[in-house]
Amino acid sequence: MFSFNRSYILLIIFLLLAQAGLDFFISHTAVYPILSNIIVALMLYAILKTFWRAKPIVAGVVALLLATAIEIMPHLHFADPIVLWNNLIMISTGNSFLTTVLPYATGILLALMTERAIRQAATPATPNKLR
């Protein structure tokens, strides 16, 4: 179940460099957070796949849940249940929540589509038999 995959480490390094380049070269307030969240989702997926031999869809769902949980945590106040309930309602209906979770979902979908394309390219095609 647990393993070490060197190719995902290279992907993480590439994504860290892409994030650094994004920090240096893009300052647009609408584009930067979206691209940054997509890269973060890709990095979470790559980190999971580096150390955990799971099906891509399982790793994608876990990465999306982790990203969403990390996004929700700063908004929660655990000391007061009424404040917690109001914050959950605010988070689930808020515009900020959607603009962060949708890029996370886009990043995970991009990772899953890339993983599928790589696996299909790696498996030899079987010729169709004519009847």
Protein backbone atom coordinates (compact mmCIF):
# COMPACT_ATOMS: atom_id res chain seq x y z
CA MET A 1 0.00 0.00 0.00
CA PHE A 2 2.79 2.43 0.85
CA SER A 3 5.62 2.85 -1.60
CA PHE A 4 7.99 5.45 -2.96
CA ASN A 5 7.58 6.69 -6.52
CA ARG A 6 10.49 8.77 -7.77
CA SER A 7 8.68 10.18 -10.81
CA TYR A 8 6.17 12.00 -8.62
CA ILE A 9 9.04 13.64 -6.70
CA LEU A 10 10.21 15.13 -10.01
CA LEU A 11 6.68 16.35 -10.64
CA ILE A 12 6.55 17.98 -7.21
CA ILE A 13 9.83 19.78 -7.88
CA PHE A 14 8.50 20.97 -11.25
CA LEU A 15 5.26 22.18 -9.63
CA LEU A 16 7.20 24.02 -6.91
CA LEU A 17 9.20 25.78 -9.61
CA ALA A 18 5.98 26.58 -11.48
CA GLN A 19 4.49 28.03 -8.27
CA ALA A 20 7.61 30.16 -7.76
CA GLY A 21 7.41 31.38 -11.35
CA LEU A 22 3.76 32.17 -10.84
CA ASP A 23 4.66 34.21 -7.75
CA PHE A 24 7.29 36.20 -9.62
CA PHE A 25 5.62 36.79 -12.97
CA ILE A 26 1.85 36.94 -12.42
CA SER A 27 0.43 39.66 -10.24
CA HIS A 28 -3.13 39.77 -11.59
CA THR A 29 -5.48 39.44 -8.62
CA ALA A 30 -8.06 37.34 -10.48
CA VAL A 31 -5.74 34.93 -12.27
CA TYR A 32 -3.11 34.27 -9.60
CA PRO A 33 -5.33 32.63 -6.94
CA ILE A 34 -6.98 30.33 -9.46
CA LEU A 35 -3.73 29.14 -11.02
CA SER A 36 -2.11 28.86 -7.60
CA ASN A 37 -4.94 26.67 -6.28
CA ILE A 38 -4.75 24.42 -9.34
CA ILE A 39 -1.01 23.95 -8.76
CA VAL A 40 -1.60 23.27 -5.05
CA ALA A 41 -4.16 20.58 -5.89
CA LEU A 42 -1.74 18.99 -8.35
CA MET A 43 0.99 19.04 -5.68
CA LEU A 44 -1.27 17.42 -3.09
CA TYR A 45 -2.13 14.69 -5.56
CA ALA A 46 1.54 14.17 -6.43
CA ILE A 47 2.53 14.03 -2.75
CA LEU A 48 -0.12 11.39 -2.07
CA LYS A 49 0.91 9.33 -5.10
CA THR A 50 4.58 9.59 -4.12
CA PHE A 51 4.08 7.66 -0.91
CA TRP A 52 0.76 5.86 -1.36
CA ARG A 53 0.05 3.26 -4.01
CA ALA A 54 -3.65 3.88 -4.52
CA LYS A 55 -5.93 4.03 -7.50
CA PRO A 56 -5.82 7.47 -9.10
CA ILE A 57 -9.48 8.22 -8.36
CA VAL A 58 -9.01 7.38 -4.66
CA ALA A 59 -5.91 9.56 -4.43
CA GLY A 60 -7.76 12.34 -6.27
CA VAL A 61 -10.72 12.27 -3.91
CA VAL A 62 -8.45 12.22 -0.85
CA ALA A 63 -6.40 15.13 -2.24
CA LEU A 64 -9.57 17.12 -2.93
CA LEU A 65 -10.88 16.42 0.59
CA LEU A 66 -7.54 17.46 2.10
CA ALA A 67 -7.44 20.67 0.07
CA THR A 68 -11.01 21.52 1.05
CA ALA A 69 -10.36 20.76 4.72
CA ILE A 70 -7.25 22.94 4.69
CA GLU A 71 -9.27 25.73 3.09
CA ILE A 72 -12.07 25.50 5.68
CA MET A 73 -9.88 25.30 8.81
CA PRO A 74 -9.00 29.03 9.16
CA HIS A 75 -12.70 29.96 9.07
CA LEU A 76 -13.74 27.68 11.92
CA HIS A 77 -13.82 28.66 15.56
CA PHE A 78 -14.04 25.48 17.59
CA ALA A 79 -14.69 27.14 20.95
CA ASP A 80 -18.20 28.36 20.21
CA PRO A 81 -20.67 25.96 18.51
CA ILE A 82 -22.98 28.79 17.38
CA VAL A 83 -20.11 30.62 15.70
CA LEU A 84 -19.02 27.30 14.17
CA TRP A 85 -22.48 26.69 12.70
CA ASN A 86 -22.72 30.23 11.31
CA ASN A 87 -19.25 29.94 9.80
CA LEU A 88 -20.12 26.63 8.13
CA ILE A 89 -23.18 28.23 6.56
CA MET A 90 -21.10 31.22 5.47
CA ILE A 91 -18.35 29.01 4.03
CA SER A 92 -20.68 26.68 2.14
CA THR A 93 -22.55 29.54 0.50
CA GLY A 94 -19.71 32.01 0.18
CA ASN A 95 -18.21 33.16 -3.09
CA SER A 96 -14.67 32.74 -1.79
CA PHE A 97 -15.24 29.07 -1.01
CA LEU A 98 -16.37 28.34 -4.56
CA THR A 99 -13.49 30.25 -6.11
CA THR A 100 -11.04 28.10 -4.14
CA VAL A 101 -12.69 24.68 -4.27
CA LEU A 102 -13.45 24.80 -8.00
CA PRO A 103 -9.77 25.33 -8.91
CA TYR A 104 -8.87 22.49 -6.53
CA ALA A 105 -11.37 20.26 -8.32
CA THR A 106 -10.00 21.42 -11.67
CA GLY A 107 -6.45 20.57 -10.59
CA ILE A 108 -7.49 17.10 -9.42
CA LEU A 109 -9.42 16.51 -12.65
CA LEU A 110 -6.36 17.60 -14.63
CA ALA A 111 -4.19 15.19 -12.61
CA LEU A 112 -6.60 12.30 -13.20
CA MET A 113 -6.87 13.00 -16.92
CA THR A 114 -3.07 13.22 -17.23
CA GLU A 115 -2.62 10.00 -15.26
CA ARG A 116 -5.10 8.22 -17.52
CA ALA A 117 -3.44 9.50 -20.68
CA ILE A 118 -0.02 8.37 -19.45
CA ARG A 119 -1.33 4.92 -18.55
CA GLN A 120 -3.04 4.54 -21.93
CA ALA A 121 0.13 5.59 -23.73
CA ALA A 122 2.17 3.11 -21.71
CA THR A 123 -0.02 0.09 -22.43
CA PRO A 124 0.37 -1.44 -25.87
CA ALA A 125 -2.71 -1.26 -28.03
CA THR A 126 -4.31 -4.53 -28.99
CA PRO A 127 -5.33 -4.79 -32.62
CA ASN A 128 -9.02 -5.04 -33.34
CA LYS A 129 -10.03 -8.37 -34.81
CA LEU A 130 -12.07 -8.17 -37.97
CA ARG A 131 -15.08 -10.43 -38.08
